[in-house]
Amino acid sequence: MAIACIQHAAGPPFLLNVAGPDMLSVRNVCEQFGALMSRTPKFVGTESPTALLNNGQMGHRLYGYPRVSVETLIRWTADWISSGGASLGKPTHFETRDGRF
């Protein structure tokens, strides 16, 4: 989707959220990874009562829905990690709520 947006390059910039159609809970996704990797995730703190969400509807209208499901991406990622696939070792910043990543 990001590469396809090159045709919309303009000044002022064309803004587009590149986000999937599903609302995902970080806790739920971590629990899915834990189950696939035979590990128990450890959580620190509690979720906030509000959530920061992306709206990818315009991208879906322009370029269609993702062809790979979230469940498949989670399985692929768990397999990659479990088999020793490379990682950049960067923090996720899932806890960040000020927009500065």
PDB file of N, CA and C in Angstrom:
ATOM      1  N   MET A   1       0.828  -1.189   0.000  1.00  0.00           N
ATOM      2  CA  MET A   1       0.000   0.000   0.000  1.00  0.00           C
ATOM      3  C   MET A   1       0.868   1.247   0.000  1.00  0.00           C
ATOM      4  N   ALA A   2       1.932   1.221   0.780  1.00  0.00           N
ATOM      5  CA  ALA A   2       2.799   2.397   0.850  1.00  0.00           C
ATOM      6  C   ALA A   2       3.440   2.697  -0.501  1.00  0.00           C
ATOM      7  N   ILE A   3       3.876   1.664  -1.196  1.00  0.00           N
ATOM      8  CA  ILE A   3       4.503   1.866  -2.503  1.00  0.00           C
ATOM      9  C   ILE A   3       3.469   2.335  -3.522  1.00  0.00           C
ATOM     10  N   ALA A   4       2.264   1.792  -3.459  1.00  0.00           N
ATOM     11  CA  ALA A   4       1.213   2.195  -4.391  1.00  0.00           C
ATOM     12  C   ALA A   4       0.846   3.665  -4.217  1.00  0.00           C
ATOM     13  N   CYS A   5       1.076   4.220  -3.044  1.00  0.00           N
ATOM     14  CA  CYS A   5       0.734   5.624  -2.774  1.00  0.00           C
ATOM     15  C   CYS A   5       1.642   6.609  -3.505  1.00  0.00           C
ATOM     16  N   ILE A   6       2.725   6.138  -4.069  1.00  0.00           N
ATOM     17  CA  ILE A   6       3.638   7.042  -4.772  1.00  0.00           C
ATOM     18  C   ILE A   6       2.902   7.840  -5.837  1.00  0.00           C
ATOM     19  N   GLN A   7       1.901   7.239  -6.457  1.00  0.00           N
ATOM     20  CA  GLN A   7       1.133   7.959  -7.478  1.00  0.00           C
ATOM     21  C   GLN A   7       0.390   9.165  -6.914  1.00  0.00           C
ATOM     22  N   HIS A   8       0.220   9.215  -5.584  1.00  0.00           N
ATOM     23  CA  HIS A   8      -0.483  10.327  -4.947  1.00  0.00           C
ATOM     24  C   HIS A   8       0.484  11.362  -4.352  1.00  0.00           C
ATOM     25  N   ALA A   9       1.775  11.198  -4.580  1.00  0.00           N
ATOM     26  CA  ALA A   9       2.750  12.131  -4.026  1.00  0.00           C
ATOM     27  C   ALA A   9       2.423  13.545  -4.503  1.00  0.00           C
ATOM     28  N   ALA A  10       2.365  14.475  -3.572  1.00  0.00           N
ATOM     29  CA  ALA A  10       1.978  15.849  -3.917  1.00  0.00           C
ATOM     30  C   ALA A  10       2.410  16.790  -2.804  1.00  0.00           C
ATOM     31  N   GLY A  11       2.315  18.047  -3.072  1.00  0.00           N
ATOM     32  CA  GLY A  11       2.530  19.066  -2.066  1.00  0.00           C
ATOM     33  C   GLY A  11       1.316  19.978  -2.059  1.00  0.00           C
ATOM     34  N   PRO A  12       0.624  20.138  -0.972  1.00  0.00           N
ATOM     35  CA  PRO A  12       0.903  19.502   0.310  1.00  0.00           C
ATOM     36  C   PRO A  12       0.742  17.984   0.231  1.00  0.00           C
ATOM     37  N   PRO A  13       1.335  17.275   1.188  1.00  0.00           N
ATOM     38  CA  PRO A  13       1.355  15.818   1.112  1.00  0.00           C
ATOM     39  C   PRO A  13      -0.034  15.187   1.200  1.00  0.00           C
ATOM     40  N   PHE A  14      -0.180  14.083   0.512  1.00  0.00           N
ATOM     41  CA  PHE A  14      -1.372  13.240   0.587  1.00  0.00           C
ATOM     42  C   PHE A  14      -1.194  12.360   1.818  1.00  0.00           C
ATOM     43  N   LEU A  15      -2.121  12.434   2.766  1.00  0.00           N
ATOM     44  CA  LEU A  15      -2.002  11.675   4.015  1.00  0.00           C
ATOM     45  C   LEU A  15      -2.869  10.430   3.948  1.00  0.00           C
ATOM     46  N   LEU A  16      -2.300   9.315   4.371  1.00  0.00           N
ATOM     47  CA  LEU A  16      -3.021   8.050   4.338  1.00  0.00           C
ATOM     48  C   LEU A  16      -2.544   7.173   5.490  1.00  0.00           C
ATOM     49  N   ASN A  17      -3.472   6.717   6.323  1.00  0.00           N
ATOM     50  CA  ASN A  17      -3.128   5.750   7.356  1.00  0.00           C
ATOM     51  C   ASN A  17      -3.013   4.381   6.710  1.00  0.00           C
ATOM     52  N   VAL A  18      -1.880   3.747   6.871  1.00  0.00           N
ATOM     53  CA  VAL A  18      -1.681   2.393   6.362  1.00  0.00           C
ATOM     54  C   VAL A  18      -1.939   1.468   7.553  1.00  0.00           C
ATOM     55  N   ALA A  19      -3.173   1.015   7.645  1.00  0.00           N
ATOM     56  CA  ALA A  19      -3.598   0.206   8.788  1.00  0.00           C
ATOM     57  C   ALA A  19      -4.510  -0.904   8.300  1.00  0.00           C
ATOM     58  N   GLY A  20      -4.487  -1.994   9.010  1.00  0.00           N
ATOM     59  CA  GLY A  20      -5.370  -3.105   8.675  1.00  0.00           C
ATOM     60  C   GLY A  20      -6.803  -2.819   9.084  1.00  0.00           C
ATOM     61  N   PRO A  21      -7.739  -3.649   8.637  1.00  0.00           N
ATOM     62  CA  PRO A  21      -9.153  -3.424   8.923  1.00  0.00           C
ATOM     63  C   PRO A  21      -9.587  -3.883  10.315  1.00  0.00           C
ATOM     64  N   ASP A  22      -8.716  -4.598  11.031  1.00  0.00           N
ATOM     65  CA  ASP A  22      -9.101  -5.170  12.325  1.00  0.00           C
ATOM     66  C   ASP A  22      -8.646  -4.290  13.481  1.00  0.00           C
ATOM     67  N   MET A  23      -9.476  -4.231  14.541  1.00  0.00           N
ATOM     68  CA  MET A  23      -9.053  -3.617  15.791  1.00  0.00           C
ATOM     69  C   MET A  23      -8.434  -4.722  16.631  1.00  0.00           C
ATOM     70  N   LEU A  24      -7.174  -4.541  17.003  1.00  0.00           N
ATOM     71  CA  LEU A  24      -6.446  -5.574  17.724  1.00  0.00           C
ATOM     72  C   LEU A  24      -6.092  -5.113  19.122  1.00  0.00           C
ATOM     73  N   SER A  25      -6.203  -6.016  20.058  1.00  0.00           N
ATOM     74  CA  SER A  25      -5.773  -5.779  21.424  1.00  0.00           C
ATOM     75  C   SER A  25      -4.332  -6.267  21.556  1.00  0.00           C
ATOM     76  N   VAL A  26      -3.450  -5.416  22.052  1.00  0.00           N
ATOM     77  CA  VAL A  26      -2.059  -5.820  22.246  1.00  0.00           C
ATOM     78  C   VAL A  26      -2.009  -7.035  23.163  1.00  0.00           C
ATOM     79  N   ARG A  27      -2.794  -7.023  24.225  1.00  0.00           N
ATOM     80  CA  ARG A  27      -2.820  -8.149  25.162  1.00  0.00           C
ATOM     81  C   ARG A  27      -3.220  -9.434  24.444  1.00  0.00           C
ATOM     82  N   ASN A  28      -4.281  -9.373  23.644  1.00  0.00           N
ATOM     83  CA  ASN A  28      -4.760 -10.561  22.938  1.00  0.00           C
ATOM     84  C   ASN A  28      -3.715 -11.075  21.948  1.00  0.00           C
ATOM     85  N   VAL A  29      -3.092 -10.177  21.204  1.00  0.00           N
ATOM     86  CA  VAL A  29      -2.070 -10.589  20.248  1.00  0.00           C
ATOM     87  C   VAL A  29      -0.891 -11.232  20.978  1.00  0.00           C
ATOM     88  N   CYS A  30      -0.476 -10.652  22.091  1.00  0.00           N
ATOM     89  CA  CYS A  30       0.619 -11.239  22.870  1.00  0.00           C
ATOM     90  C   CYS A  30       0.247 -12.626  23.382  1.00  0.00           C
ATOM     91  N   GLU A  31      -0.994 -12.787  23.820  1.00  0.00           N
ATOM     92  CA  GLU A  31      -1.437 -14.099  24.290  1.00  0.00           C
ATOM     93  C   GLU A  31      -1.442 -15.116  23.146  1.00  0.00           C
ATOM     94  N   GLN A  32      -1.804 -14.674  21.936  1.00  0.00           N
ATOM     95  CA  GLN A  32      -1.746 -15.579  20.782  1.00  0.00           C
ATOM     96  C   GLN A  32      -0.303 -15.994  20.494  1.00  0.00           C
ATOM     97  N   PHE A  33       0.617 -15.031  20.530  1.00  0.00           N
ATOM     98  CA  PHE A  33       2.030 -15.373  20.345  1.00  0.00           C
ATOM     99  C   PHE A  33       2.494 -16.337  21.420  1.00  0.00           C
ATOM    100  N   GLY A  34       2.112 -16.072  22.664  1.00  0.00           N
ATOM    101  CA  GLY A  34       2.504 -16.954  23.753  1.00  0.00           C
ATOM    102  C   GLY A  34       2.029 -18.375  23.533  1.00  0.00           C
ATOM    103  N   ALA A  35       0.781 -18.543  23.116  1.00  0.00           N
ATOM    104  CA  ALA A  35       0.240 -19.878  22.865  1.00  0.00           C
ATOM    105  C   ALA A  35       1.003 -20.571  21.733  1.00  0.00           C
ATOM    106  N   LEU A  36       1.303 -19.847  20.661  1.00  0.00           N
ATOM    107  CA  LEU A  36       2.017 -20.441  19.529  1.00  0.00           C
ATOM    108  C   LEU A  36       3.464 -20.787  19.867  1.00  0.00           C
ATOM    109  N   MET A  37       4.049 -20.052  20.823  1.00  0.00           N
ATOM    110  CA  MET A  37       5.458 -20.230  21.140  1.00  0.00           C
ATOM    111  C   MET A  37       5.669 -20.943  22.470  1.00  0.00           C
ATOM    112  N   SER A  38       4.572 -21.481  23.041  1.00  0.00           N
ATOM    113  CA  SER A  38       4.633 -22.193  24.327  1.00  0.00           C
ATOM    114  C   SER A  38       5.288 -21.346  25.406  1.00  0.00           C
ATOM    115  N   ARG A  39       4.880 -20.089  25.469  1.00  0.00           N
ATOM    116  CA  ARG A  39       5.398 -19.144  26.461  1.00  0.00           C
ATOM    117  C   ARG A  39       4.219 -18.415  27.080  1.00  0.00           C
ATOM    118  N   THR A  40       4.432 -17.899  28.278  1.00  0.00           N
ATOM    119  CA  THR A  40       3.413 -17.083  28.932  1.00  0.00           C
ATOM    120  C   THR A  40       3.880 -15.638  28.911  1.00  0.00           C
ATOM    121  N   PRO A  41       3.146 -14.759  28.225  1.00  0.00           N
ATOM    122  CA  PRO A  41       3.581 -13.349  28.196  1.00  0.00           C
ATOM    123  C   PRO A  41       3.473 -12.726  29.583  1.00  0.00           C
ATOM    124  N   LYS A  42       4.372 -11.793  29.851  1.00  0.00           N
ATOM    125  CA  LYS A  42       4.359 -11.060  31.118  1.00  0.00           C
ATOM    126  C   LYS A  42       3.967  -9.623  30.814  1.00  0.00           C
ATOM    127  N   PHE A  43       2.941  -9.147  31.489  1.00  0.00           N
ATOM    128  CA  PHE A  43       2.445  -7.794  31.283  1.00  0.00           C
ATOM    129  C   PHE A  43       2.776  -6.952  32.506  1.00  0.00           C
ATOM    130  N   VAL A  44       3.159  -5.712  32.250  1.00  0.00           N
ATOM    131  CA  VAL A  44       3.453  -4.768  33.320  1.00  0.00           C
ATOM    132  C   VAL A  44       2.426  -3.651  33.226  1.00  0.00           C
ATOM    133  N   GLY A  45       1.759  -3.345  34.344  1.00  0.00           N
ATOM    134  CA  GLY A  45       0.751  -2.299  34.336  1.00  0.00           C
ATOM    135  C   GLY A  45      -0.573  -2.820  33.796  1.00  0.00           C
ATOM    136  N   THR A  46      -1.460  -1.892  33.520  1.00  0.00           N
ATOM    137  CA  THR A  46      -2.782  -2.252  33.004  1.00  0.00           C
ATOM    138  C   THR A  46      -3.097  -1.388  31.792  1.00  0.00           C
ATOM    139  N   GLU A  47      -4.041  -1.863  31.000  1.00  0.00           N
ATOM    140  CA  GLU A  47      -4.453  -1.108  29.829  1.00  0.00           C
ATOM    141  C   GLU A  47      -5.124   0.194  30.248  1.00  0.00           C
ATOM    142  N   SER A  48      -5.012   1.181  29.413  1.00  0.00           N
ATOM    143  CA  SER A  48      -5.714   2.445  29.630  1.00  0.00           C
ATOM    144  C   SER A  48      -7.179   2.267  29.253  1.00  0.00           C
ATOM    145  N   PRO A  49      -8.054   3.097  29.800  1.00  0.00           N
ATOM    146  CA  PRO A  49      -9.479   2.973  29.466  1.00  0.00           C
ATOM    147  C   PRO A  49      -9.798   3.474  28.049  1.00  0.00           C
ATOM    148  N   THR A  50      -8.845   4.137  27.415  1.00  0.00           N
ATOM    149  CA  THR A  50      -9.037   4.619  26.052  1.00  0.00           C
ATOM    150  C   THR A  50      -8.015   3.950  25.140  1.00  0.00           C
ATOM    151  N   ALA A  51      -8.267   3.987  23.847  1.00  0.00           N
ATOM    152  CA  ALA A  51      -7.349   3.385  22.882  1.00  0.00           C
ATOM    153  C   ALA A  51      -7.053   4.380  21.772  1.00  0.00           C
ATOM    154  N   LEU A  52      -5.853   4.295  21.226  1.00  0.00           N
ATOM    155  CA  LEU A  52      -5.476   5.100  20.070  1.00  0.00           C
ATOM    156  C   LEU A  52      -5.612   4.197  18.851  1.00  0.00           C
ATOM    157  N   LEU A  53      -6.486   4.559  17.936  1.00  0.00           N
ATOM    158  CA  LEU A  53      -6.794   3.699  16.805  1.00  0.00           C
ATOM    159  C   LEU A  53      -6.449   4.378  15.492  1.00  0.00           C
ATOM    160  N   ASN A  54      -6.059   3.584  14.518  1.00  0.00           N
ATOM    161  CA  ASN A  54      -5.843   4.068  13.152  1.00  0.00           C
ATOM    162  C   ASN A  54      -7.059   3.724  12.319  1.00  0.00           C
ATOM    163  N   ASN A  55      -7.373   4.574  11.369  1.00  0.00           N
ATOM    164  CA  ASN A  55      -8.484   4.308  10.464  1.00  0.00           C
ATOM    165  C   ASN A  55      -7.902   4.143   9.067  1.00  0.00           C
ATOM    166  N   GLY A  56      -7.873   2.905   8.587  1.00  0.00           N
ATOM    167  CA  GLY A  56      -7.286   2.617   7.289  1.00  0.00           C
ATOM    168  C   GLY A  56      -8.295   2.525   6.161  1.00  0.00           C
ATOM    169  N   GLN A  57      -9.520   3.046   6.375  1.00  0.00           N
ATOM    170  CA  GLN A  57     -10.589   2.879   5.384  1.00  0.00           C
ATOM    171  C   GLN A  57     -10.248   3.467   4.017  1.00  0.00           C
ATOM    172  N   MET A  58      -9.606   4.628   3.974  1.00  0.00           N
ATOM    173  CA  MET A  58      -9.290   5.221   2.680  1.00  0.00           C
ATOM    174  C   MET A  58      -8.308   4.331   1.915  1.00  0.00           C
ATOM    175  N   GLY A  59      -7.318   3.813   2.599  1.00  0.00           N
ATOM    176  CA  GLY A  59      -6.378   2.906   1.956  1.00  0.00           C
ATOM    177  C   GLY A  59      -7.060   1.663   1.429  1.00  0.00           C
ATOM    178  N   HIS A  60      -8.037   1.141   2.161  1.00  0.00           N
ATOM    179  CA  HIS A  60      -8.772  -0.047   1.709  1.00  0.00           C
ATOM    180  C   HIS A  60      -9.621   0.283   0.488  1.00  0.00           C
ATOM    181  N   ARG A  61     -10.214   1.485   0.466  1.00  0.00           N
ATOM    182  CA  ARG A  61     -11.009   1.883  -0.706  1.00  0.00           C
ATOM    183  C   ARG A  61     -10.122   2.028  -1.937  1.00  0.00           C
ATOM    184  N   LEU A  62      -8.936   2.600  -1.752  1.00  0.00           N
ATOM    185  CA  LEU A  62      -8.038   2.832  -2.884  1.00  0.00           C
ATOM    186  C   LEU A  62      -7.345   1.558  -3.364  1.00  0.00           C
ATOM    187  N   TYR A  63      -6.934   0.708  -2.436  1.00  0.00           N
ATOM    188  CA  TYR A  63      -6.040  -0.399  -2.780  1.00  0.00           C
ATOM    189  C   TYR A  63      -6.547  -1.784  -2.370  1.00  0.00           C
ATOM    190  N   GLY A  64      -7.713  -1.846  -1.735  1.00  0.00           N
ATOM    191  CA  GLY A  64      -8.262  -3.135  -1.334  1.00  0.00           C
ATOM    192  C   GLY A  64      -7.819  -3.551   0.064  1.00  0.00           C
ATOM    193  N   TYR A  65      -8.415  -4.625   0.511  1.00  0.00           N
ATOM    194  CA  TYR A  65      -8.106  -5.159   1.837  1.00  0.00           C
ATOM    195  C   TYR A  65      -6.841  -6.010   1.776  1.00  0.00           C
ATOM    196  N   PRO A  66      -6.167  -6.169   2.916  1.00  0.00           N
ATOM    197  CA  PRO A  66      -4.978  -7.032   2.934  1.00  0.00           C
ATOM    198  C   PRO A  66      -5.340  -8.455   2.490  1.00  0.00           C
ATOM    199  N   ARG A  67      -4.427  -9.086   1.777  1.00  0.00           N
ATOM    200  CA  ARG A  67      -4.661 -10.451   1.306  1.00  0.00           C
ATOM    201  C   ARG A  67      -4.274 -11.499   2.336  1.00  0.00           C
ATOM    202  N   VAL A  68      -3.552 -11.082   3.374  1.00  0.00           N
ATOM    203  CA  VAL A  68      -3.112 -12.006   4.421  1.00  0.00           C
ATOM    204  C   VAL A  68      -3.817 -11.619   5.714  1.00  0.00           C
ATOM    205  N   SER A  69      -4.399 -12.600   6.396  1.00  0.00           N
ATOM    206  CA  SER A  69      -5.135 -12.330   7.636  1.00  0.00           C
ATOM    207  C   SER A  69      -4.179 -12.043   8.796  1.00  0.00           C
ATOM    208  N   VAL A  70      -4.711 -11.409   9.823  1.00  0.00           N
ATOM    209  CA  VAL A  70      -3.935 -11.137  11.033  1.00  0.00           C
ATOM    210  C   VAL A  70      -3.459 -12.454  11.644  1.00  0.00           C
ATOM    211  N   GLU A  71      -4.327 -13.446  11.678  1.00  0.00           N
ATOM    212  CA  GLU A  71      -3.968 -14.741  12.260  1.00  0.00           C
ATOM    213  C   GLU A  71      -2.785 -15.365  11.523  1.00  0.00           C
ATOM    214  N   THR A  72      -2.783 -15.249  10.198  1.00  0.00           N
ATOM    215  CA  THR A  72      -1.673 -15.790   9.417  1.00  0.00           C
ATOM    216  C   THR A  72      -0.390 -15.022   9.710  1.00  0.00           C
ATOM    217  N   LEU A  73      -0.472 -13.693   9.784  1.00  0.00           N
ATOM    218  CA  LEU A  73       0.721 -12.896  10.102  1.00  0.00           C
ATOM    219  C   LEU A  73       1.283 -13.254  11.467  1.00  0.00           C
ATOM    220  N   ILE A  74       0.399 -13.474  12.437  1.00  0.00           N
ATOM    221  CA  ILE A  74       0.852 -13.858  13.777  1.00  0.00           C
ATOM    222  C   ILE A  74       1.557 -15.218  13.714  1.00  0.00           C
ATOM    223  N   ARG A  75       0.977 -16.186  13.001  1.00  0.00           N
ATOM    224  CA  ARG A  75       1.609 -17.514  12.881  1.00  0.00           C
ATOM    225  C   ARG A  75       2.961 -17.412  12.182  1.00  0.00           C
ATOM    226  N   TRP A  76       3.017 -16.644  11.082  1.00  0.00           N
ATOM    227  CA  TRP A  76       4.280 -16.482  10.362  1.00  0.00           C
ATOM    228  C   TRP A  76       5.346 -15.850  11.263  1.00  0.00           C
ATOM    229  N   THR A  77       4.944 -14.810  12.006  1.00  0.00           N
ATOM    230  CA  THR A  77       5.897 -14.113  12.876  1.00  0.00           C
ATOM    231  C   THR A  77       6.378 -15.026  14.001  1.00  0.00           C
ATOM    232  N   ALA A  78       5.462 -15.767  14.617  1.00  0.00           N
ATOM    233  CA  ALA A  78       5.845 -16.698  15.686  1.00  0.00           C
ATOM    234  C   ALA A  78       6.819 -17.740  15.151  1.00  0.00           C
ATOM    235  N   ASP A  79       6.559 -18.239  13.951  1.00  0.00           N
ATOM    236  CA  ASP A  79       7.459 -19.224  13.339  1.00  0.00           C
ATOM    237  C   ASP A  79       8.826 -18.602  13.072  1.00  0.00           C
ATOM    238  N   TRP A  80       8.835 -17.373  12.562  1.00  0.00           N
ATOM    239  CA  TRP A  80      10.101 -16.669  12.281  1.00  0.00           C
ATOM    240  C   TRP A  80      10.924 -16.527  13.558  1.00  0.00           C
ATOM    241  N   ILE A  81      10.287 -16.067  14.619  1.00  0.00           N
ATOM    242  CA  ILE A  81      10.996 -15.874  15.887  1.00  0.00           C
ATOM    243  C   ILE A  81      11.461 -17.207  16.448  1.00  0.00           C
ATOM    244  N   SER A  82      10.580 -18.204  16.452  1.00  0.00           N
ATOM    245  CA  SER A  82      10.910 -19.525  17.013  1.00  0.00           C
ATOM    246  C   SER A  82      12.048 -20.202  16.265  1.00  0.00           C
ATOM    247  N   SER A  83      12.169 -19.930  14.973  1.00  0.00           N
ATOM    248  CA  SER A  83      13.230 -20.570  14.184  1.00  0.00           C
ATOM    249  C   SER A  83      14.508 -19.741  14.148  1.00  0.00           C
ATOM    250  N   GLY A  84      14.579 -18.679  14.970  1.00  0.00           N
ATOM    251  CA  GLY A  84      15.803 -17.882  15.060  1.00  0.00           C
ATOM    252  C   GLY A  84      15.947 -16.826  13.993  1.00  0.00           C
ATOM    253  N   GLY A  85      14.839 -16.404  13.377  1.00  0.00           N
ATOM    254  CA  GLY A  85      14.890 -15.360  12.355  1.00  0.00           C
ATOM    255  C   GLY A  85      15.479 -14.068  12.908  1.00  0.00           C
ATOM    256  N   ALA A  86      16.067 -13.281  12.038  1.00  0.00           N
ATOM    257  CA  ALA A  86      16.727 -12.031  12.438  1.00  0.00           C
ATOM    258  C   ALA A  86      15.727 -11.034  13.022  1.00  0.00           C
ATOM    259  N   SER A  87      16.207 -10.227  13.963  1.00  0.00           N
ATOM    260  CA  SER A  87      15.411  -9.163  14.582  1.00  0.00           C
ATOM    261  C   SER A  87      16.286  -7.924  14.708  1.00  0.00           C
ATOM    262  N   LEU A  88      15.677  -6.771  14.537  1.00  0.00           N
ATOM    263  CA  LEU A  88      16.418  -5.521  14.722  1.00  0.00           C
ATOM    264  C   LEU A  88      16.561  -5.161  16.197  1.00  0.00           C
ATOM    265  N   GLY A  89      15.800  -5.844  17.067  1.00  0.00           N
ATOM    266  CA  GLY A  89      15.914  -5.601  18.503  1.00  0.00           C
ATOM    267  C   GLY A  89      15.420  -4.228  18.935  1.00  0.00           C
ATOM    268  N   LYS A  90      14.536  -3.635  18.169  1.00  0.00           N
ATOM    269  CA  LYS A  90      14.027  -2.300  18.487  1.00  0.00           C
ATOM    270  C   LYS A  90      12.805  -2.412  19.395  1.00  0.00           C
ATOM    271  N   PRO A  91      12.594  -1.447  20.290  1.00  0.00           N
ATOM    272  CA  PRO A  91      11.404  -1.465  21.146  1.00  0.00           C
ATOM    273  C   PRO A  91      10.135  -1.235  20.329  1.00  0.00           C
ATOM    274  N   THR A  92       9.029  -1.778  20.797  1.00  0.00           N
ATOM    275  CA  THR A  92       7.759  -1.644  20.076  1.00  0.00           C
ATOM    276  C   THR A  92       7.099  -0.297  20.302  1.00  0.00           C
ATOM    277  N   HIS A  93       7.288   0.289  21.474  1.00  0.00           N
ATOM    278  CA  HIS A  93       6.639   1.537  21.872  1.00  0.00           C
ATOM    279  C   HIS A  93       5.118   1.393  21.961  1.00  0.00           C
ATOM    280  N   PHE A  94       4.628   0.171  22.197  1.00  0.00           N
ATOM    281  CA  PHE A  94       3.189  -0.021  22.344  1.00  0.00           C
ATOM    282  C   PHE A  94       2.626   0.820  23.485  1.00  0.00           C
ATOM    283  N   GLU A  95       3.456   1.124  24.462  1.00  0.00           N
ATOM    284  CA  GLU A  95       2.996   1.903  25.613  1.00  0.00           C
ATOM    285  C   GLU A  95       2.934   3.407  25.331  1.00  0.00           C
ATOM    286  N   THR A  96       3.473   3.844  24.215  1.00  0.00           N
ATOM    287  CA  THR A  96       3.549   5.263  23.883  1.00  0.00           C
ATOM    288  C   THR A  96       2.175   5.807  23.515  1.00  0.00           C
ATOM    289  N   ARG A  97       1.780   6.910  24.132  1.00  0.00           N
ATOM    290  CA  ARG A  97       0.469   7.480  23.875  1.00  0.00           C
ATOM    291  C   ARG A  97       0.548   8.946  23.424  1.00  0.00           C
ATOM    292  N   ASP A  98       1.773   9.462  23.243  1.00  0.00           N
ATOM    293  CA  ASP A  98       1.897  10.871  22.860  1.00  0.00           C
ATOM    294  C   ASP A  98       2.206  11.057  21.373  1.00  0.00           C
ATOM    295  N   GLY A  99       2.256   9.947  20.619  1.00  0.00           N
ATOM    296  CA  GLY A  99       2.510  10.043  19.188  1.00  0.00           C
ATOM    297  C   GLY A  99       3.984  10.148  18.821  1.00  0.00           C
ATOM    298  N   ARG A 100       4.878  10.121  19.798  1.00  0.00           N
ATOM    299  CA  ARG A 100       6.321  10.205  19.539  1.00  0.00           C
ATOM    300  C   ARG A 100       6.929   8.820  19.691  1.00  0.00           C
ATOM    301  N   PHE A 101       7.300   8.250  18.561  1.00  0.00           N
ATOM    302  CA  PHE A 101       7.843   6.898  18.569  1.00  0.00           C
ATOM    303  C   PHE A 101       9.320   6.921  18.290  1.00  0.00           C
TER     304      PHE A 101
END
